[in-house]
Amino acid sequence: MLYLPNEEGQGLVEYALIIVLVAIVVIAVLTLLGNQLQNVFNRITNALAPTS
């Protein structure tokens, strides 16, 4: 009989590592571009605000 290693939990660990890496990248991008993104959203909000 062939020996098949037990790899049932391996996929979950790999997906968790990918999610952690993506989260780190997102946090880094938001940290670096946070002020610029805030300025863009503020301009959009001001453009959509009704003028009186």
PDB file of N, CA and C in Angstrom:
ATOM      1  N   MET A   1       0.844  -1.164   0.000  1.00  0.00           N
ATOM      2  CA  MET A   1       0.000   0.000   0.000  1.00  0.00           C
ATOM      3  C   MET A   1       0.899   1.240   0.000  1.00  0.00           C
ATOM      4  N   LEU A   2       0.485   2.262  -0.753  1.00  0.00           N
ATOM      5  CA  LEU A   2       1.247   3.495  -0.836  1.00  0.00           C
ATOM      6  C   LEU A   2       1.038   4.342   0.414  1.00  0.00           C
ATOM      7  N   TYR A   3       2.092   5.002   0.817  1.00  0.00           N
ATOM      8  CA  TYR A   3       1.994   5.888   1.969  1.00  0.00           C
ATOM      9  C   TYR A   3       1.577   7.276   1.482  1.00  0.00           C
ATOM     10  N   LEU A   4       0.452   7.777   1.965  1.00  0.00           N
ATOM     11  CA  LEU A   4      -0.014   9.114   1.627  1.00  0.00           C
ATOM     12  C   LEU A   4       0.059   9.978   2.878  1.00  0.00           C
ATOM     13  N   PRO A   5       0.842  11.056   2.828  1.00  0.00           N
ATOM     14  CA  PRO A   5       0.952  11.901   4.021  1.00  0.00           C
ATOM     15  C   PRO A   5      -0.362  12.612   4.325  1.00  0.00           C
ATOM     16  N   ASN A   6      -0.577  12.863   5.592  1.00  0.00           N
ATOM     17  CA  ASN A   6      -1.784  13.542   6.030  1.00  0.00           C
ATOM     18  C   ASN A   6      -1.590  15.043   5.862  1.00  0.00           C
ATOM     19  N   GLU A   7      -2.267  15.640   4.866  1.00  0.00           N
ATOM     20  CA  GLU A   7      -2.106  17.055   4.555  1.00  0.00           C
ATOM     21  C   GLU A   7      -3.429  17.791   4.655  1.00  0.00           C
ATOM     22  N   GLU A   8      -4.282  17.415   5.570  1.00  0.00           N
ATOM     23  CA  GLU A   8      -5.611  18.001   5.621  1.00  0.00           C
ATOM     24  C   GLU A   8      -5.596  19.466   6.045  1.00  0.00           C
ATOM     25  N   GLY A   9      -4.752  19.868   6.982  1.00  0.00           N
ATOM     26  CA  GLY A   9      -4.751  21.230   7.487  1.00  0.00           C
ATOM     27  C   GLY A   9      -3.838  22.167   6.739  1.00  0.00           C
ATOM     28  N   GLN A  10      -3.121  21.683   5.777  1.00  0.00           N
ATOM     29  CA  GLN A  10      -2.121  22.488   5.095  1.00  0.00           C
ATOM     30  C   GLN A  10      -2.761  23.612   4.286  1.00  0.00           C
ATOM     31  N   GLY A  11      -3.847  23.370   3.612  1.00  0.00           N
ATOM     32  CA  GLY A  11      -4.485  24.394   2.789  1.00  0.00           C
ATOM     33  C   GLY A  11      -4.945  25.575   3.601  1.00  0.00           C
ATOM     34  N   LEU A  12      -5.495  25.326   4.778  1.00  0.00           N
ATOM     35  CA  LEU A  12      -5.979  26.396   5.642  1.00  0.00           C
ATOM     36  C   LEU A  12      -4.830  27.301   6.085  1.00  0.00           C
ATOM     37  N   VAL A  13      -3.698  26.710   6.412  1.00  0.00           N
ATOM     38  CA  VAL A  13      -2.539  27.498   6.832  1.00  0.00           C
ATOM     39  C   VAL A  13      -2.037  28.357   5.673  1.00  0.00           C
ATOM     40  N   GLU A  14      -2.012  27.810   4.478  1.00  0.00           N
ATOM     41  CA  GLU A  14      -1.558  28.578   3.318  1.00  0.00           C
ATOM     42  C   GLU A  14      -2.492  29.743   3.034  1.00  0.00           C
ATOM     43  N   TYR A  15      -3.792  29.534   3.119  1.00  0.00           N
ATOM     44  CA  TYR A  15      -4.747  30.617   2.903  1.00  0.00           C
ATOM     45  C   TYR A  15      -4.604  31.681   3.985  1.00  0.00           C
ATOM     46  N   ALA A  16      -4.371  31.279   5.203  1.00  0.00           N
ATOM     47  CA  ALA A  16      -4.189  32.242   6.294  1.00  0.00           C
ATOM     48  C   ALA A  16      -2.945  33.094   6.057  1.00  0.00           C
ATOM     49  N   LEU A  17      -1.870  32.483   5.595  1.00  0.00           N
ATOM     50  CA  LEU A  17      -0.652  33.243   5.302  1.00  0.00           C
ATOM     51  C   LEU A  17      -0.884  34.242   4.172  1.00  0.00           C
ATOM     52  N   ILE A  18      -1.610  33.848   3.155  1.00  0.00           N
ATOM     53  CA  ILE A  18      -1.916  34.758   2.050  1.00  0.00           C
ATOM     54  C   ILE A  18      -2.744  35.932   2.549  1.00  0.00           C
ATOM     55  N   ILE A  19      -3.745  35.666   3.383  1.00  0.00           N
ATOM     56  CA  ILE A  19      -4.589  36.739   3.917  1.00  0.00           C
ATOM     57  C   ILE A  19      -3.758  37.699   4.764  1.00  0.00           C
ATOM     58  N   VAL A  20      -2.859  37.171   5.567  1.00  0.00           N
ATOM     59  CA  VAL A  20      -2.002  38.020   6.399  1.00  0.00           C
ATOM     60  C   VAL A  20      -1.099  38.890   5.523  1.00  0.00           C
ATOM     61  N   LEU A  21      -0.518  38.318   4.484  1.00  0.00           N
ATOM     62  CA  LEU A  21       0.350  39.088   3.599  1.00  0.00           C
ATOM     63  C   LEU A  21      -0.425  40.179   2.866  1.00  0.00           C
ATOM     64  N   VAL A  22      -1.629  39.880   2.407  1.00  0.00           N
ATOM     65  CA  VAL A  22      -2.456  40.879   1.733  1.00  0.00           C
ATOM     66  C   VAL A  22      -2.814  41.990   2.712  1.00  0.00           C
ATOM     67  N   ALA A  23      -3.150  41.642   3.942  1.00  0.00           N
ATOM     68  CA  ALA A  23      -3.479  42.653   4.941  1.00  0.00           C
ATOM     69  C   ALA A  23      -2.286  43.563   5.213  1.00  0.00           C
ATOM     70  N   ILE A  24      -1.088  43.011   5.286  1.00  0.00           N
ATOM     71  CA  ILE A  24       0.110  43.817   5.515  1.00  0.00           C
ATOM     72  C   ILE A  24       0.335  44.784   4.354  1.00  0.00           C
ATOM     73  N   VAL A  25       0.143  44.314   3.138  1.00  0.00           N
ATOM     74  CA  VAL A  25       0.314  45.178   1.966  1.00  0.00           C
ATOM     75  C   VAL A  25      -0.724  46.295   1.969  1.00  0.00           C
ATOM     76  N   VAL A  26      -1.976  45.974   2.274  1.00  0.00           N
ATOM     77  CA  VAL A  26      -3.034  46.986   2.304  1.00  0.00           C
ATOM     78  C   VAL A  26      -2.737  48.033   3.372  1.00  0.00           C
ATOM     79  N   ILE A  27      -2.312  47.610   4.545  1.00  0.00           N
ATOM     80  CA  ILE A  27      -1.986  48.557   5.618  1.00  0.00           C
ATOM     81  C   ILE A  27      -0.815  49.446   5.209  1.00  0.00           C
ATOM     82  N   ALA A  28       0.185  48.880   4.574  1.00  0.00           N
ATOM     83  CA  ALA A  28       1.335  49.667   4.139  1.00  0.00           C
ATOM     84  C   ALA A  28       0.939  50.694   3.087  1.00  0.00           C
ATOM     85  N   VAL A  29       0.112  50.301   2.136  1.00  0.00           N
ATOM     86  CA  VAL A  29      -0.325  51.227   1.090  1.00  0.00           C
ATOM     87  C   VAL A  29      -1.171  52.343   1.684  1.00  0.00           C
ATOM     88  N   LEU A  30      -2.086  52.000   2.584  1.00  0.00           N
ATOM     89  CA  LEU A  30      -2.920  53.022   3.202  1.00  0.00           C
ATOM     90  C   LEU A  30      -2.094  53.969   4.070  1.00  0.00           C
ATOM     91  N   THR A  31      -1.065  53.460   4.699  1.00  0.00           N
ATOM     92  CA  THR A  31      -0.195  54.305   5.503  1.00  0.00           C
ATOM     93  C   THR A  31       0.583  55.276   4.619  1.00  0.00           C
ATOM     94  N   LEU A  32       1.083  54.778   3.504  1.00  0.00           N
ATOM     95  CA  LEU A  32       1.877  55.623   2.617  1.00  0.00           C
ATOM     96  C   LEU A  32       1.024  56.625   1.843  1.00  0.00           C
ATOM     97  N   LEU A  33      -0.166  56.221   1.431  1.00  0.00           N
ATOM     98  CA  LEU A  33      -1.005  57.066   0.584  1.00  0.00           C
ATOM     99  C   LEU A  33      -2.216  57.621   1.305  1.00  0.00           C
ATOM    100  N   GLY A  34      -2.271  57.505   2.607  1.00  0.00           N
ATOM    101  CA  GLY A  34      -3.454  57.900   3.367  1.00  0.00           C
ATOM    102  C   GLY A  34      -3.859  59.339   3.166  1.00  0.00           C
ATOM    103  N   ASN A  35      -2.908  60.259   3.267  1.00  0.00           N
ATOM    104  CA  ASN A  35      -3.232  61.674   3.127  1.00  0.00           C
ATOM    105  C   ASN A  35      -3.702  62.000   1.709  1.00  0.00           C
ATOM    106  N   GLN A  36      -3.069  61.405   0.729  1.00  0.00           N
ATOM    107  CA  GLN A  36      -3.471  61.647  -0.655  1.00  0.00           C
ATOM    108  C   GLN A  36      -4.872  61.120  -0.916  1.00  0.00           C
ATOM    109  N   LEU A  37      -5.184  59.935  -0.395  1.00  0.00           N
ATOM    110  CA  LEU A  37      -6.528  59.383  -0.569  1.00  0.00           C
ATOM    111  C   LEU A  37      -7.565  60.236   0.149  1.00  0.00           C
ATOM    112  N   GLN A  38      -7.213  60.748   1.311  1.00  0.00           N
ATOM    113  CA  GLN A  38      -8.144  61.600   2.047  1.00  0.00           C
ATOM    114  C   GLN A  38      -8.430  62.873   1.258  1.00  0.00           C
ATOM    115  N   ASN A  39      -7.419  63.442   0.636  1.00  0.00           N
ATOM    116  CA  ASN A  39      -7.621  64.635  -0.182  1.00  0.00           C
ATOM    117  C   ASN A  39      -8.528  64.349  -1.376  1.00  0.00           C
ATOM    118  N   VAL A  40      -8.348  63.211  -2.014  1.00  0.00           N
ATOM    119  CA  VAL A  40      -9.190  62.838  -3.157  1.00  0.00           C
ATOM    120  C   VAL A  40     -10.641  62.701  -2.715  1.00  0.00           C
ATOM    121  N   PHE A  41     -10.885  62.005  -1.614  1.00  0.00           N
ATOM    122  CA  PHE A  41     -12.258  61.815  -1.139  1.00  0.00           C
ATOM    123  C   PHE A  41     -12.876  63.137  -0.691  1.00  0.00           C
ATOM    124  N   ASN A  42     -12.075  64.019  -0.107  1.00  0.00           N
ATOM    125  CA  ASN A  42     -12.592  65.329   0.283  1.00  0.00           C
ATOM    126  C   ASN A  42     -13.008  66.145  -0.939  1.00  0.00           C
ATOM    127  N   ARG A  43     -12.202  66.085  -2.010  1.00  0.00           N
ATOM    128  CA  ARG A  43     -12.574  66.813  -3.234  1.00  0.00           C
ATOM    129  C   ARG A  43     -13.841  66.242  -3.846  1.00  0.00           C
ATOM    130  N   ILE A  44     -13.986  64.928  -3.814  1.00  0.00           N
ATOM    131  CA  ILE A  44     -15.198  64.309  -4.365  1.00  0.00           C
ATOM    132  C   ILE A  44     -16.404  64.707  -3.542  1.00  0.00           C
ATOM    133  N   THR A  45     -16.249  64.689  -2.218  1.00  0.00           N
ATOM    134  CA  THR A  45     -17.360  65.063  -1.329  1.00  0.00           C
ATOM    135  C   THR A  45     -17.767  66.520  -1.548  1.00  0.00           C
ATOM    136  N   ASN A  46     -16.782  67.388  -1.688  1.00  0.00           N
ATOM    137  CA  ASN A  46     -17.074  68.801  -1.915  1.00  0.00           C
ATOM    138  C   ASN A  46     -17.731  69.026  -3.268  1.00  0.00           C
ATOM    139  N   ALA A  47     -17.332  68.248  -4.276  1.00  0.00           N
ATOM    140  CA  ALA A  47     -17.935  68.393  -5.598  1.00  0.00           C
ATOM    141  C   ALA A  47     -19.380  67.904  -5.607  1.00  0.00           C
ATOM    142  N   LEU A  48     -19.701  66.923  -4.796  1.00  0.00           N
ATOM    143  CA  LEU A  48     -21.059  66.372  -4.762  1.00  0.00           C
ATOM    144  C   LEU A  48     -21.978  67.112  -3.802  1.00  0.00           C
ATOM    145  N   ALA A  49     -21.407  67.947  -2.940  1.00  0.00           N
ATOM    146  CA  ALA A  49     -22.220  68.671  -1.968  1.00  0.00           C
ATOM    147  C   ALA A  49     -23.073  69.716  -2.689  1.00  0.00           C
ATOM    148  N   PRO A  50     -24.312  69.866  -2.258  1.00  0.00           N
ATOM    149  CA  PRO A  50     -25.176  70.867  -2.911  1.00  0.00           C
ATOM    150  C   PRO A  50     -24.709  72.278  -2.574  1.00  0.00           C
ATOM    151  N   THR A  51     -24.744  73.120  -3.564  1.00  0.00           N
ATOM    152  CA  THR A  51     -24.354  74.512  -3.346  1.00  0.00           C
ATOM    153  C   THR A  51     -25.579  75.317  -2.948  1.00  0.00           C
ATOM    154  N   SER A  52     -25.388  76.248  -2.045  1.00  0.00           N
ATOM    155  CA  SER A  52     -26.542  77.040  -1.598  1.00  0.00           C
ATOM    156  C   SER A  52     -26.377  78.495  -1.945  1.00  0.00           C
TER     157      SER A  52
END
